[in-house]
Amino acid sequence: MLNTTFRQLVVPEVPAVKKFILRRQSRRQFRPWTLKALLAKFPQLESFIWEPSRLHWGNYHPLPHEFVSSFGTGLPPKLKDLLIFEDCNVAFAYGAGRPYPPDHICLMADPGVAAALARGSFGLTRLHVPYMIDAWDFFKAYQKGCAWQRLESISLTSALLAPYSSNDKISELLCTASEVALSMPKLQSFAL
């Protein structure tokens, strides 16, 4: 776990960086405050792709969730694309000797995180956060009158689409998704 505080270091701004990718094959994970401080040093950042893996955290620690929940305080100003794909390979994680059951690995959606992301994502053109939040929570955080004026593509997942969910719950999710999509005038791709 990389626990650097940039208060201790003098890190220059790097305006050349427009795209920043942290792949799941990284040997290190960043703490939320370190990651936010690092992103703040990229004033021209337009695209951030992050693939956190829960395998690095030992017992579950909500690092990506803490980071995403901080979006309520603002994303980098020029950011257009936010893609967070939380590694959710149940078979691999459970097979690696993790002490928690497989369903515990992927289904840890926090409604507060979804709400923070909904509030902080209005300036984006692409938002992809499968397995990080539940689409239902994201849609429920929507406030009428607000709009994602630039959003062209969004992908979310929901536990309500599981095989054991009732048709009524699925219908309610899809109706709510369609209502929220009306607040995305440039939307071209909606994956659920």
Foldseek 3Di string as FASTA:
>chain_A
DDEDDCVVPDDAADQVAQEEEAACPDPDDYALNVVQVVQLSHLNHAYYEYEHEQLVVQPGDLRVLVNLLCLLVEDRPNYAYYAYHYDLPLVVSVVVVRPDHSVVRQPPADLSSLLSNLNRQLAYQEEEDESHHALVSNLVSDDPPRASARHAEYAYHHPCPDPPHDPVSVVVSVVSVVVRVVRHVNYDYYHD
